Amino acid sequence: MSLKRFKFYTAVLLGFTFLSTGSANAQEPIVLTFAAGSPSSSNVCTGQLKKWADGVEASSKGQITVKIVCDGILADNREIVDRIEQGVVDAGWVIPALFGAQFSTLAITGLPGVFDDAEDAGGALFRAHEEGLLDGQLDNYKVLWIQGIGNNSIFSTNPIKSVTKLDGLKLAVEARGRAVMISAMGGTPVALNIPEYYPSLQRGLVDGVMTSVAAIQAFKMDEVLRHTIIGPFGGGTTIALMNKEVYEGLPADLQRAIDENSGYEMSRWTSAFLRDIEVNYFKDVMMAHSGASKVTLTDEQKAAWNTGFQATIDNWLGDSEVADTLLKRFQELVVEESAK
């Protein structure tokens, strides 16, 4: 074979190889990394993130693969927003209360007495986001869902003498609003991160905590907490955010795959999902412990808490017209959601 003919066949072969390789690469799925600081065994990772990942992968017909990375491996709960913005991860599960003023409007679910059912709160808050009432705080992200978390309770190692007067009782809290409420009711709030609650209870540094059943379950605090006061103390919010540039850089059909598994319906679903887990865990596990007790505030006892409730609401409102408008509309939306 002549050198010229050899070069010709070589070029053809290389070109065929390149085209074949390029075609194969084009068919490889896009990998989206979804990070969370929660344990990989938690309901966040095995429930919420997995449901979304499975849905997106199915809707995209395998063109997207979602890689879920939990346990704070890529970002802990306080780093996650930076990692999303930097593009280190494509999406993340976020606890807004840890970021203070950055997501202050989302703290509305932490106000006492503004909702009864977490599913209604999640749906109402996502609609408030769609109506542009969150002061632009989520505009730089693709919002996958907003989860409402049910009303917190007071959990203690020993029975509390009075459910309307805390009288110096030391309660661990993470959110500022909880601290304001406890102080107004005569208690002593102790600012701690949730993972610090259990060891602080064991060492007697605090008498109890004001938190969610989900937090009790995640950190096994029911091993030392036996007594519960249930009331409209305010709940919480978590959000799932995606890097907006990553989302907008996807082809339209893959954006649709994400949209089909995100938004209002996913917000209600995640809220109901956690609510049901909390209800069952409290009933089947926490109340099954020897010596466990619970007190649900009566209307008269709730009225006695008004000092603490109003102090929390006033602290959140401040002098903000945005907050005042949001509160009024949020309460309207909760009523609409509860009628569904």
C-alpha atoms as a PDB file:
ATOM      1  CA  MET A   1       0.000   0.000   0.000  1.00  0.00           C
ATOM      2  CA  SER A   2       1.303   3.444  -0.923  1.00  0.00           C
ATOM      3  CA  LEU A   3       2.053   5.983   1.787  1.00  0.00           C
ATOM      4  CA  LYS A   4      -0.580   8.297   0.343  1.00  0.00           C
ATOM      5  CA  ARG A   5      -3.243   5.572   0.435  1.00  0.00           C
ATOM      6  CA  PHE A   6      -2.144   4.582   3.964  1.00  0.00           C
ATOM      7  CA  LYS A   7      -2.578   8.174   5.168  1.00  0.00           C
ATOM      8  CA  PHE A   8      -6.003   8.335   3.513  1.00  0.00           C
ATOM      9  CA  TYR A   9      -7.301   5.185   5.237  1.00  0.00           C
ATOM     10  CA  THR A  10      -5.774   6.292   8.532  1.00  0.00           C
ATOM     11  CA  ALA A  11      -7.584   9.627   8.311  1.00  0.00           C
ATOM     12  CA  VAL A  12     -10.875   7.901   7.508  1.00  0.00           C
ATOM     13  CA  LEU A  13     -10.436   5.506  10.429  1.00  0.00           C
ATOM     14  CA  LEU A  14      -9.575   8.316  12.867  1.00  0.00           C
ATOM     15  CA  GLY A  15     -12.528  10.338  11.656  1.00  0.00           C
ATOM     16  CA  PHE A  16     -14.874   7.384  12.153  1.00  0.00           C
ATOM     17  CA  THR A  17     -13.478   6.801  15.628  1.00  0.00           C
ATOM     18  CA  PHE A  18     -13.934  10.478  16.539  1.00  0.00           C
ATOM     19  CA  LEU A  19     -17.522  10.500  15.307  1.00  0.00           C
ATOM     20  CA  SER A  20     -18.325   7.288  17.171  1.00  0.00           C
ATOM     21  CA  THR A  21     -16.774   8.595  20.376  1.00  0.00           C
ATOM     22  CA  GLY A  22     -18.502  11.951  20.034  1.00  0.00           C
ATOM     23  CA  SER A  23     -21.825  10.216  19.496  1.00  0.00           C
ATOM     24  CA  ALA A  24     -21.318   8.073  22.592  1.00  0.00           C
ATOM     25  CA  ASN A  25     -20.331  11.069  24.696  1.00  0.00           C
ATOM     26  CA  ALA A  26     -23.378  12.975  23.504  1.00  0.00           C
ATOM     27  CA  GLN A  27     -25.558  10.206  24.917  1.00  0.00           C
ATOM     28  CA  GLU A  28     -23.966  10.280  28.356  1.00  0.00           C
ATOM     29  CA  PRO A  29     -26.367  11.706  30.964  1.00  0.00           C
ATOM     30  CA  ILE A  30     -25.836  15.075  32.584  1.00  0.00           C
ATOM     31  CA  VAL A  31     -24.903  14.563  36.235  1.00  0.00           C
ATOM     32  CA  LEU A  32     -26.420  16.977  38.759  1.00  0.00           C
ATOM     33  CA  THR A  33     -24.972  16.918  42.272  1.00  0.00           C
ATOM     34  CA  PHE A  34     -27.535  17.481  45.045  1.00  0.00           C
ATOM     35  CA  ALA A  35     -25.935  18.021  48.460  1.00  0.00           C
ATOM     36  CA  ALA A  36     -27.235  18.074  52.019  1.00  0.00           C
ATOM     37  CA  GLY A  37     -25.691  18.336  55.447  1.00  0.00           C
ATOM     38  CA  SER A  38     -28.185  15.817  56.813  1.00  0.00           C
ATOM     39  CA  PRO A  39     -27.248  12.191  57.536  1.00  0.00           C
ATOM     40  CA  SER A  40     -27.566   9.880  54.544  1.00  0.00           C
ATOM     41  CA  SER A  41     -30.044   7.799  56.564  1.00  0.00           C
ATOM     42  CA  SER A  42     -32.303  10.799  57.274  1.00  0.00           C
ATOM     43  CA  ASN A  43     -35.731  11.353  55.743  1.00  0.00           C
ATOM     44  CA  VAL A  44     -34.228  14.326  53.905  1.00  0.00           C
ATOM     45  CA  CYS A  45     -31.896  12.131  51.875  1.00  0.00           C
ATOM     46  CA  THR A  46     -33.826   8.872  51.662  1.00  0.00           C
ATOM     47  CA  GLY A  47     -37.196  10.561  51.169  1.00  0.00           C
ATOM     48  CA  GLN A  48     -37.269  14.096  49.803  1.00  0.00           C
ATOM     49  CA  LEU A  49     -34.071  14.172  47.754  1.00  0.00           C
ATOM     50  CA  LYS A  50     -34.560  10.643  46.455  1.00  0.00           C
ATOM     51  CA  LYS A  51     -38.143  11.325  45.344  1.00  0.00           C
ATOM     52  CA  TRP A  52     -36.997  14.408  43.430  1.00  0.00           C
ATOM     53  CA  ALA A  53     -33.998  12.617  41.915  1.00  0.00           C
ATOM     54  CA  ASP A  54     -36.064   9.626  40.801  1.00  0.00           C
ATOM     55  CA  GLY A  55     -38.678  11.923  39.286  1.00  0.00           C
ATOM     56  CA  VAL A  56     -36.175  14.039  37.373  1.00  0.00           C
ATOM     57  CA  GLU A  57     -34.330  11.008  36.047  1.00  0.00           C
ATOM     58  CA  ALA A  58     -37.613   9.464  34.863  1.00  0.00           C
ATOM     59  CA  SER A  59     -38.932  12.701  33.333  1.00  0.00           C
ATOM     60  CA  SER A  60     -35.656  13.284  31.496  1.00  0.00           C
ATOM     61  CA  LYS A  61     -35.723   9.698  30.160  1.00  0.00           C
ATOM     62  CA  GLY A  62     -32.306   9.091  31.643  1.00  0.00           C
ATOM     63  CA  GLN A  63     -30.694  12.218  30.205  1.00  0.00           C
ATOM     64  CA  ILE A  64     -30.142  13.498  33.754  1.00  0.00           C
ATOM     65  CA  THR A  65     -28.570  11.553  36.595  1.00  0.00           C
ATOM     66  CA  VAL A  66     -28.877  13.057  40.081  1.00  0.00           C
ATOM     67  CA  LYS A  67     -26.038  12.295  42.459  1.00  0.00           C
ATOM     68  CA  ILE A  68     -27.187  12.731  46.070  1.00  0.00           C
ATOM     69  CA  VAL A  69     -24.344  13.514  48.498  1.00  0.00           C
ATOM     70  CA  CYS A  70     -25.330  13.779  52.166  1.00  0.00           C
ATOM     71  CA  ASP A  71     -23.562  13.735  55.569  1.00  0.00           C
ATOM     72  CA  GLY A  72     -22.071  17.185  54.921  1.00  0.00           C
ATOM     73  CA  ILE A  73     -19.406  15.656  52.685  1.00  0.00           C
ATOM     74  CA  LEU A  74     -19.541  18.474  50.127  1.00  0.00           C
ATOM     75  CA  ALA A  75     -21.032  21.114  52.418  1.00  0.00           C
ATOM     76  CA  ASP A  76     -22.381  21.264  55.938  1.00  0.00           C
ATOM     77  CA  ASN A  77     -25.636  23.053  56.706  1.00  0.00           C
ATOM     78  CA  ARG A  78     -23.950  26.440  57.073  1.00  0.00           C
ATOM     79  CA  GLU A  79     -21.843  26.107  53.897  1.00  0.00           C
ATOM     80  CA  ILE A  80     -24.459  24.816  51.506  1.00  0.00           C
ATOM     81  CA  VAL A  81     -25.647  28.151  50.069  1.00  0.00           C
ATOM     82  CA  ASP A  82     -22.090  29.247  49.249  1.00  0.00           C
ATOM     83  CA  ARG A  83     -21.420  25.908  47.572  1.00  0.00           C
ATOM     84  CA  ILE A  84     -24.532  26.319  45.408  1.00  0.00           C
ATOM     85  CA  GLU A  85     -23.572  29.870  44.435  1.00  0.00           C
ATOM     86  CA  GLN A  86     -19.986  28.833  43.668  1.00  0.00           C
ATOM     87  CA  GLY A  87     -21.131  25.935  41.509  1.00  0.00           C
ATOM     88  CA  VAL A  88     -19.369  23.390  43.714  1.00  0.00           C
ATOM     89  CA  VAL A  89     -22.740  21.609  43.889  1.00  0.00           C
ATOM     90  CA  ASP A  90     -25.653  22.022  41.494  1.00  0.00           C
ATOM     91  CA  ALA A  91     -28.391  21.930  44.129  1.00  0.00           C
ATOM     92  CA  GLY A  92     -28.693  21.756  47.874  1.00  0.00           C
ATOM     93  CA  TRP A  93     -31.062  21.329  50.790  1.00  0.00           C
ATOM     94  CA  VAL A  94     -31.031  24.488  52.911  1.00  0.00           C
ATOM     95  CA  ILE A  95     -32.143  25.456  56.421  1.00  0.00           C
ATOM     96  CA  PRO A  96     -32.926  29.191  55.987  1.00  0.00           C
ATOM     97  CA  ALA A  97     -32.885  29.940  59.722  1.00  0.00           C
ATOM     98  CA  LEU A  98     -29.118  29.384  59.738  1.00  0.00           C
ATOM     99  CA  PHE A  99     -28.584  32.312  57.350  1.00  0.00           C
ATOM    100  CA  GLY A 100     -30.317  35.091  59.260  1.00  0.00           C
ATOM    101  CA  ALA A 101     -31.192  38.168  57.223  1.00  0.00           C
ATOM    102  CA  GLN A 102     -30.331  36.473  53.914  1.00  0.00           C
ATOM    103  CA  PHE A 103     -33.589  34.495  54.058  1.00  0.00           C
ATOM    104  CA  SER A 104     -35.422  36.444  56.752  1.00  0.00           C
ATOM    105  CA  THR A 105     -38.807  36.399  54.984  1.00  0.00           C
ATOM    106  CA  LEU A 106     -38.885  32.607  55.176  1.00  0.00           C
ATOM    107  CA  ALA A 107     -38.867  32.848  58.965  1.00  0.00           C
ATOM    108  CA  ILE A 108     -42.566  33.671  58.731  1.00  0.00           C
ATOM    109  CA  THR A 109     -43.376  30.004  59.353  1.00  0.00           C
ATOM    110  CA  GLY A 110     -41.597  30.331  62.689  1.00  0.00           C
ATOM    111  CA  LEU A 111     -44.162  32.838  63.932  1.00  0.00           C
ATOM    112  CA  PRO A 112     -46.583  31.451  66.517  1.00  0.00           C
ATOM    113  CA  GLY A 113     -50.165  30.865  65.493  1.00  0.00           C
ATOM    114  CA  VAL A 114     -49.874  31.542  61.754  1.00  0.00           C
ATOM    115  CA  PHE A 115     -50.698  27.990  60.608  1.00  0.00           C
ATOM    116  CA  ASP A 116     -51.845  24.643  61.928  1.00  0.00           C
ATOM    117  CA  ASP A 117     -50.847  22.212  59.163  1.00  0.00           C
ATOM    118  CA  ALA A 118     -47.357  22.103  57.650  1.00  0.00           C
ATOM    119  CA  GLU A 119     -48.690  21.107  54.225  1.00  0.00           C
ATOM    120  CA  ASP A 120     -50.764  24.302  54.079  1.00  0.00           C
ATOM    121  CA  ALA A 121     -47.740  26.328  55.168  1.00  0.00           C
ATOM    122  CA  GLY A 122     -45.522  24.848  52.436  1.00  0.00           C
ATOM    123  CA  GLY A 123     -48.075  25.493  49.723  1.00  0.00           C
ATOM    124  CA  ALA A 124     -48.796  29.014  50.973  1.00  0.00           C
ATOM    125  CA  LEU A 125     -45.129  29.976  51.185  1.00  0.00           C
ATOM    126  CA  PHE A 126     -44.362  28.718  47.680  1.00  0.00           C
ATOM    127  CA  ARG A 127     -47.296  30.737  46.353  1.00  0.00           C
ATOM    128  CA  ALA A 128     -45.980  33.784  48.223  1.00  0.00           C
ATOM    129  CA  HIS A 129     -42.658  33.212  46.434  1.00  0.00           C
ATOM    130  CA  GLU A 130     -44.427  33.030  43.067  1.00  0.00           C
ATOM    131  CA  GLU A 131     -46.258  36.270  43.878  1.00  0.00           C
ATOM    132  CA  GLY A 132     -42.931  38.008  44.527  1.00  0.00           C
ATOM    133  CA  LEU A 133     -43.560  38.633  48.221  1.00  0.00           C
ATOM    134  CA  LEU A 134     -40.256  37.305  49.583  1.00  0.00           C
ATOM    135  CA  ASP A 135     -38.338  40.532  48.999  1.00  0.00           C
ATOM    136  CA  GLY A 136     -36.278  39.019  46.179  1.00  0.00           C
ATOM    137  CA  GLN A 137     -34.420  36.742  48.612  1.00  0.00           C
ATOM    138  CA  LEU A 138     -34.778  33.685  46.361  1.00  0.00           C
ATOM    139  CA  ASP A 139     -34.454  35.419  42.987  1.00  0.00           C
ATOM    140  CA  ASN A 140     -30.844  34.320  42.424  1.00  0.00           C
ATOM    141  CA  TYR A 141     -31.727  30.635  42.594  1.00  0.00           C
ATOM    142  CA  LYS A 142     -33.934  28.092  40.924  1.00  0.00           C
ATOM    143  CA  VAL A 143     -36.310  27.183  43.754  1.00  0.00           C
ATOM    144  CA  LEU A 144     -37.084  23.472  43.672  1.00  0.00           C
ATOM    145  CA  TRP A 145     -39.400  23.455  46.667  1.00  0.00           C
ATOM    146  CA  ILE A 146     -40.234  25.160  49.960  1.00  0.00           C
ATOM    147  CA  GLN A 147     -41.076  22.847  52.829  1.00  0.00           C
ATOM    148  CA  GLY A 148     -43.227  23.890  55.745  1.00  0.00           C
ATOM    149  CA  ILE A 149     -42.303  22.278  59.072  1.00  0.00           C
ATOM    150  CA  GLY A 150     -44.963  21.837  61.735  1.00  0.00           C
ATOM    151  CA  ASN A 151     -45.171  23.726  64.996  1.00  0.00           C
ATOM    152  CA  ASN A 152     -42.331  23.129  67.415  1.00  0.00           C
ATOM    153  CA  SER A 153     -42.977  21.823  70.900  1.00  0.00           C
ATOM    154  CA  ILE A 154     -41.205  22.133  74.224  1.00  0.00           C
ATOM    155  CA  PHE A 155     -39.484  18.912  75.257  1.00  0.00           C
ATOM    156  CA  SER A 156     -37.977  18.506  78.719  1.00  0.00           C
ATOM    157  CA  THR A 157     -36.137  15.934  80.801  1.00  0.00           C
ATOM    158  CA  ASN A 158     -38.462  16.522  83.776  1.00  0.00           C
ATOM    159  CA  PRO A 159     -42.092  17.661  83.981  1.00  0.00           C
ATOM    160  CA  ILE A 160     -42.452  21.436  83.765  1.00  0.00           C
ATOM    161  CA  LYS A 161     -44.296  22.823  86.790  1.00  0.00           C
ATOM    162  CA  SER A 162     -46.265  25.446  84.875  1.00  0.00           C
ATOM    163  CA  VAL A 163     -47.014  25.363  81.160  1.00  0.00           C
ATOM    164  CA  THR A 164     -47.588  29.123  81.096  1.00  0.00           C
ATOM    165  CA  LYS A 165     -44.657  30.351  83.219  1.00  0.00           C
ATOM    166  CA  LEU A 166     -41.187  29.102  82.376  1.00  0.00           C
ATOM    167  CA  ASP A 167     -39.580  30.718  85.455  1.00  0.00           C
ATOM    168  CA  GLY A 168     -35.908  30.487  84.554  1.00  0.00           C
ATOM    169  CA  LEU A 169     -36.212  27.154  82.751  1.00  0.00           C
ATOM    170  CA  LYS A 170     -33.185  26.748  80.483  1.00  0.00           C
ATOM    171  CA  LEU A 171     -34.249  25.757  76.990  1.00  0.00           C
ATOM    172  CA  ALA A 172     -31.948  25.163  74.040  1.00  0.00           C
ATOM    173  CA  VAL A 173     -32.912  27.036  70.888  1.00  0.00           C
ATOM    174  CA  GLU A 174     -31.335  27.634  67.500  1.00  0.00           C
ATOM    175  CA  ALA A 175     -33.578  30.356  66.048  1.00  0.00           C
ATOM    176  CA  ARG A 176     -33.694  33.917  67.353  1.00  0.00           C
ATOM    177  CA  GLY A 177     -37.492  34.000  67.373  1.00  0.00           C
ATOM    178  CA  ARG A 178     -37.623  31.087  69.801  1.00  0.00           C
ATOM    179  CA  ALA A 179     -35.228  32.900  72.140  1.00  0.00           C
ATOM    180  CA  VAL A 180     -37.424  36.011  72.133  1.00  0.00           C
ATOM    181  CA  MET A 181     -40.500  33.934  72.975  1.00  0.00           C
ATOM    182  CA  ILE A 182     -38.849  32.012  75.799  1.00  0.00           C
ATOM    183  CA  SER A 183     -37.413  35.166  77.346  1.00  0.00           C
ATOM    184  CA  ALA A 184     -40.812  36.868  77.241  1.00  0.00           C
ATOM    185  CA  MET A 185     -42.301  33.909  79.140  1.00  0.00           C
ATOM    186  CA  GLY A 186     -39.654  34.067  81.879  1.00  0.00           C
ATOM    187  CA  GLY A 187     -37.415  31.297  80.612  1.00  0.00           C
ATOM    188  CA  THR A 188     -33.721  31.343  79.780  1.00  0.00           C
ATOM    189  CA  PRO A 189     -32.927  30.596  76.127  1.00  0.00           C
ATOM    190  CA  VAL A 190     -29.589  28.917  75.479  1.00  0.00           C
ATOM    191  CA  ALA A 191     -28.345  29.386  71.905  1.00  0.00           C
ATOM    192  CA  LEU A 192     -26.979  26.098  70.574  1.00  0.00           C
ATOM    193  CA  ASN A 193     -26.730  24.264  67.284  1.00  0.00           C
ATOM    194  CA  ILE A 194     -29.087  21.290  67.130  1.00  0.00           C
ATOM    195  CA  PRO A 195     -26.269  18.672  67.244  1.00  0.00           C
ATOM    196  CA  GLU A 196     -25.227  20.243  70.574  1.00  0.00           C
ATOM    197  CA  TYR A 197     -28.637  19.696  72.186  1.00  0.00           C
ATOM    198  CA  TYR A 198     -28.205  16.073  73.229  1.00  0.00           C
ATOM    199  CA  PRO A 199     -24.806  16.416  74.974  1.00  0.00           C
ATOM    200  CA  SER A 200     -26.024  19.601  76.675  1.00  0.00           C
ATOM    201  CA  LEU A 201     -29.070  17.745  77.982  1.00  0.00           C
ATOM    202  CA  GLN A 202     -26.879  14.891  79.215  1.00  0.00           C
ATOM    203  CA  ARG A 203     -24.612  17.295  81.089  1.00  0.00           C
ATOM    204  CA  GLY A 204     -27.546  19.194  82.589  1.00  0.00           C
ATOM    205  CA  LEU A 205     -26.599  22.456  80.883  1.00  0.00           C
ATOM    206  CA  VAL A 206     -30.194  22.834  79.698  1.00  0.00           C
ATOM    207  CA  ASP A 207     -33.520  21.576  81.037  1.00  0.00           C
ATOM    208  CA  GLY A 208     -35.087  20.997  77.662  1.00  0.00           C
ATOM    209  CA  VAL A 209     -35.374  22.179  74.074  1.00  0.00           C
ATOM    210  CA  MET A 210     -37.836  23.941  71.827  1.00  0.00           C
ATOM    211  CA  THR A 211     -37.640  22.188  68.491  1.00  0.00           C
ATOM    212  CA  SER A 212     -39.387  19.845  66.053  1.00  0.00           C
ATOM    213  CA  VAL A 213     -40.096  16.148  66.405  1.00  0.00           C
ATOM    214  CA  ALA A 214     -37.948  15.644  63.304  1.00  0.00           C
ATOM    215  CA  ALA A 215     -34.933  17.066  65.148  1.00  0.00           C
ATOM    216  CA  ILE A 216     -35.686  14.874  68.172  1.00  0.00           C
ATOM    217  CA  GLN A 217     -35.787  11.827  65.911  1.00  0.00           C
ATOM    218  CA  ALA A 218     -32.673  12.712  63.898  1.00  0.00           C
ATOM    219  CA  PHE A 219     -30.513  13.096  67.001  1.00  0.00           C
ATOM    220  CA  LYS A 220     -32.247  10.480  69.189  1.00  0.00           C
ATOM    221  CA  MET A 221     -33.020  13.050  71.876  1.00  0.00           C
ATOM    222  CA  ASP A 222     -36.102  11.120  72.990  1.00  0.00           C
ATOM    223  CA  GLU A 223     -33.626   8.908  74.871  1.00  0.00           C
ATOM    224  CA  VAL A 224     -33.405  11.698  77.460  1.00  0.00           C
ATOM    225  CA  LEU A 225     -36.506  13.813  76.810  1.00  0.00           C
ATOM    226  CA  ARG A 226     -39.740  12.398  78.223  1.00  0.00           C
ATOM    227  CA  HIS A 227     -42.114  15.340  78.625  1.00  0.00           C
ATOM    228  CA  THR A 228     -43.780  17.461  75.936  1.00  0.00           C
ATOM    229  CA  ILE A 229     -45.777  20.683  75.802  1.00  0.00           C
ATOM    230  CA  ILE A 230     -47.696  21.035  72.539  1.00  0.00           C
ATOM    231  CA  GLY A 231     -48.847  24.442  71.337  1.00  0.00           C
ATOM    232  CA  PRO A 232     -48.841  26.845  68.375  1.00  0.00           C
ATOM    233  CA  PHE A 233     -45.238  27.876  69.029  1.00  0.00           C
ATOM    234  CA  GLY A 234     -44.354  28.320  65.364  1.00  0.00           C
ATOM    235  CA  GLY A 235     -42.750  25.947  62.922  1.00  0.00           C
ATOM    236  CA  GLY A 236     -40.014  26.233  60.361  1.00  0.00           C
ATOM    237  CA  THR A 237     -38.988  26.040  56.748  1.00  0.00           C
ATOM    238  CA  THR A 238     -36.432  24.257  54.622  1.00  0.00           C
ATOM    239  CA  ILE A 239     -35.811  24.965  50.956  1.00  0.00           C
ATOM    240  CA  ALA A 240     -34.215  23.166  48.051  1.00  0.00           C
ATOM    241  CA  LEU A 241     -32.261  25.477  45.773  1.00  0.00           C
ATOM    242  CA  MET A 242     -30.487  24.944  42.466  1.00  0.00           C
ATOM    243  CA  ASN A 243     -27.744  27.029  40.881  1.00  0.00           C
ATOM    244  CA  LYS A 244     -29.708  29.240  38.494  1.00  0.00           C
ATOM    245  CA  GLU A 245     -27.029  29.315  35.802  1.00  0.00           C
ATOM    246  CA  VAL A 246     -26.840  25.519  35.777  1.00  0.00           C
ATOM    247  CA  TYR A 247     -30.619  25.296  35.392  1.00  0.00           C
ATOM    248  CA  GLU A 248     -30.780  27.936  32.662  1.00  0.00           C
ATOM    249  CA  GLY A 249     -27.899  26.249  30.830  1.00  0.00           C
ATOM    250  CA  LEU A 250     -29.901  23.054  30.361  1.00  0.00           C
ATOM    251  CA  PRO A 251     -31.837  22.345  27.153  1.00  0.00           C
ATOM    252  CA  ALA A 252     -35.537  23.250  27.358  1.00  0.00           C
ATOM    253  CA  ASP A 253     -36.675  19.619  27.608  1.00  0.00           C
ATOM    254  CA  LEU A 254     -34.392  18.997  30.577  1.00  0.00           C
ATOM    255  CA  GLN A 255     -35.561  22.191  32.266  1.00  0.00           C
ATOM    256  CA  ARG A 256     -39.083  20.815  31.900  1.00  0.00           C
ATOM    257  CA  ALA A 257     -37.974  17.552  33.530  1.00  0.00           C
ATOM    258  CA  ILE A 258     -36.863  19.555  36.557  1.00  0.00           C
ATOM    259  CA  ASP A 259     -39.967  21.764  36.574  1.00  0.00           C
ATOM    260  CA  GLU A 260     -42.274  18.741  36.483  1.00  0.00           C
ATOM    261  CA  ASN A 261     -40.797  17.544  39.772  1.00  0.00           C
ATOM    262  CA  SER A 262     -40.434  20.888  41.531  1.00  0.00           C
ATOM    263  CA  GLY A 263     -42.521  23.832  42.650  1.00  0.00           C
ATOM    264  CA  TYR A 264     -45.871  24.082  44.379  1.00  0.00           C
ATOM    265  CA  GLU A 265     -46.870  20.412  44.353  1.00  0.00           C
ATOM    266  CA  MET A 266     -43.444  19.297  45.563  1.00  0.00           C
ATOM    267  CA  SER A 267     -43.630  21.925  48.318  1.00  0.00           C
ATOM    268  CA  ARG A 268     -46.904  20.495  49.580  1.00  0.00           C
ATOM    269  CA  TRP A 269     -45.648  16.922  49.223  1.00  0.00           C
ATOM    270  CA  THR A 270     -42.421  17.437  51.205  1.00  0.00           C
ATOM    271  CA  SER A 271     -44.355  19.275  53.914  1.00  0.00           C
ATOM    272  CA  ALA A 272     -46.937  16.471  54.234  1.00  0.00           C
ATOM    273  CA  PHE A 273     -44.205  13.821  54.048  1.00  0.00           C
ATOM    274  CA  LEU A 274     -42.357  15.186  57.074  1.00  0.00           C
ATOM    275  CA  ARG A 275     -45.576  15.974  58.949  1.00  0.00           C
ATOM    276  CA  ASP A 276     -46.676  12.338  58.749  1.00  0.00           C
ATOM    277  CA  ILE A 277     -43.250  11.089  59.850  1.00  0.00           C
ATOM    278  CA  GLU A 278     -43.357  13.411  62.873  1.00  0.00           C
ATOM    279  CA  VAL A 279     -46.894  12.407  63.860  1.00  0.00           C
ATOM    280  CA  ASN A 280     -46.075   8.704  63.723  1.00  0.00           C
ATOM    281  CA  TYR A 281     -42.721   9.026  65.489  1.00  0.00           C
ATOM    282  CA  PHE A 282     -44.210  11.049  68.337  1.00  0.00           C
ATOM    283  CA  LYS A 283     -47.097   8.615  68.795  1.00  0.00           C
ATOM    284  CA  ASP A 284     -45.323   5.309  68.229  1.00  0.00           C
ATOM    285  CA  VAL A 285     -41.875   6.001  69.681  1.00  0.00           C
ATOM    286  CA  MET A 286     -41.747   9.050  71.932  1.00  0.00           C
ATOM    287  CA  MET A 287     -44.984   8.422  73.783  1.00  0.00           C
ATOM    288  CA  ALA A 288     -44.129   4.726  74.119  1.00  0.00           C
ATOM    289  CA  HIS A 289     -41.191   5.504  76.432  1.00  0.00           C
ATOM    290  CA  SER A 290     -41.715   4.727  80.078  1.00  0.00           C
ATOM    291  CA  GLY A 291     -42.894   7.819  81.970  1.00  0.00           C
ATOM    292  CA  ALA A 292     -43.604   9.835  78.825  1.00  0.00           C
ATOM    293  CA  SER A 293     -46.160  12.612  79.164  1.00  0.00           C
ATOM    294  CA  LYS A 294     -47.667  15.362  77.047  1.00  0.00           C
ATOM    295  CA  VAL A 295     -49.703  18.483  77.670  1.00  0.00           C
ATOM    296  CA  THR A 296     -51.599  20.219  74.854  1.00  0.00           C
ATOM    297  CA  LEU A 297     -52.258  23.875  75.591  1.00  0.00           C
ATOM    298  CA  THR A 298     -55.905  24.786  76.137  1.00  0.00           C
ATOM    299  CA  ASP A 299     -57.342  28.000  74.697  1.00  0.00           C
ATOM    300  CA  GLU A 300     -56.918  29.627  78.119  1.00  0.00           C
ATOM    301  CA  GLN A 301     -53.282  28.520  78.311  1.00  0.00           C
ATOM    302  CA  LYS A 302     -52.637  29.757  74.765  1.00  0.00           C
ATOM    303  CA  ALA A 303     -53.981  33.142  75.801  1.00  0.00           C
ATOM    304  CA  ALA A 304     -51.475  33.158  78.672  1.00  0.00           C
ATOM    305  CA  TRP A 305     -48.723  32.702  76.070  1.00  0.00           C
ATOM    306  CA  ASN A 306     -49.819  35.776  74.096  1.00  0.00           C
ATOM    307  CA  THR A 307     -47.036  37.865  75.646  1.00  0.00           C
ATOM    308  CA  GLY A 308     -44.434  35.522  74.193  1.00  0.00           C
ATOM    309  CA  PHE A 309     -46.281  35.061  70.919  1.00  0.00           C
ATOM    310  CA  GLN A 310     -46.662  38.783  70.286  1.00  0.00           C
ATOM    311  CA  ALA A 311     -43.050  39.500  71.234  1.00  0.00           C
ATOM    312  CA  THR A 312     -41.938  36.984  68.594  1.00  0.00           C
ATOM    313  CA  ILE A 313     -44.191  38.481  65.916  1.00  0.00           C
ATOM    314  CA  ASP A 314     -43.118  42.057  66.729  1.00  0.00           C
ATOM    315  CA  ASN A 315     -39.463  41.053  66.618  1.00  0.00           C
ATOM    316  CA  TRP A 316     -39.888  39.552  63.140  1.00  0.00           C
ATOM    317  CA  LEU A 317     -41.973  42.422  61.782  1.00  0.00           C
ATOM    318  CA  GLY A 318     -39.691  45.199  63.008  1.00  0.00           C
ATOM    319  CA  ASP A 319     -40.502  48.280  60.948  1.00  0.00           C
ATOM    320  CA  SER A 320     -40.634  46.388  57.662  1.00  0.00           C
ATOM    321  CA  GLU A 321     -43.547  47.095  55.328  1.00  0.00           C
ATOM    322  CA  VAL A 322     -42.451  44.060  53.296  1.00  0.00           C
ATOM    323  CA  ALA A 323     -42.833  41.786  56.326  1.00  0.00           C
ATOM    324  CA  ASP A 324     -46.206  43.265  57.245  1.00  0.00           C
ATOM    325  CA  THR A 325     -47.543  42.757  53.695  1.00  0.00           C
ATOM    326  CA  LEU A 326     -46.165  39.226  53.586  1.00  0.00           C
ATOM    327  CA  LEU A 327     -47.712  38.269  56.931  1.00  0.00           C
ATOM    328  CA  LYS A 328     -51.177  39.428  55.892  1.00  0.00           C
ATOM    329  CA  ARG A 329     -51.009  37.674  52.513  1.00  0.00           C
ATOM    330  CA  PHE A 330     -49.464  34.520  53.980  1.00  0.00           C
ATOM    331  CA  GLN A 331     -52.321  34.171  56.439  1.00  0.00           C
ATOM    332  CA  GLU A 332     -54.797  34.539  53.554  1.00  0.00           C
ATOM    333  CA  LEU A 333     -52.942  31.905  51.537  1.00  0.00           C
ATOM    334  CA  VAL A 334     -52.909  29.483  54.489  1.00  0.00           C
ATOM    335  CA  VAL A 335     -56.694  29.759  54.710  1.00  0.00           C
ATOM    336  CA  GLU A 336     -56.961  29.054  50.976  1.00  0.00           C
ATOM    337  CA  GLU A 337     -54.599  26.095  51.242  1.00  0.00           C
ATOM    338  CA  SER A 338     -56.451  24.618  54.220  1.00  0.00           C
ATOM    339  CA  ALA A 339     -59.662  24.575  52.175  1.00  0.00           C
ATOM    340  CA  LYS A 340     -58.100  22.208  49.606  1.00  0.00           C
END
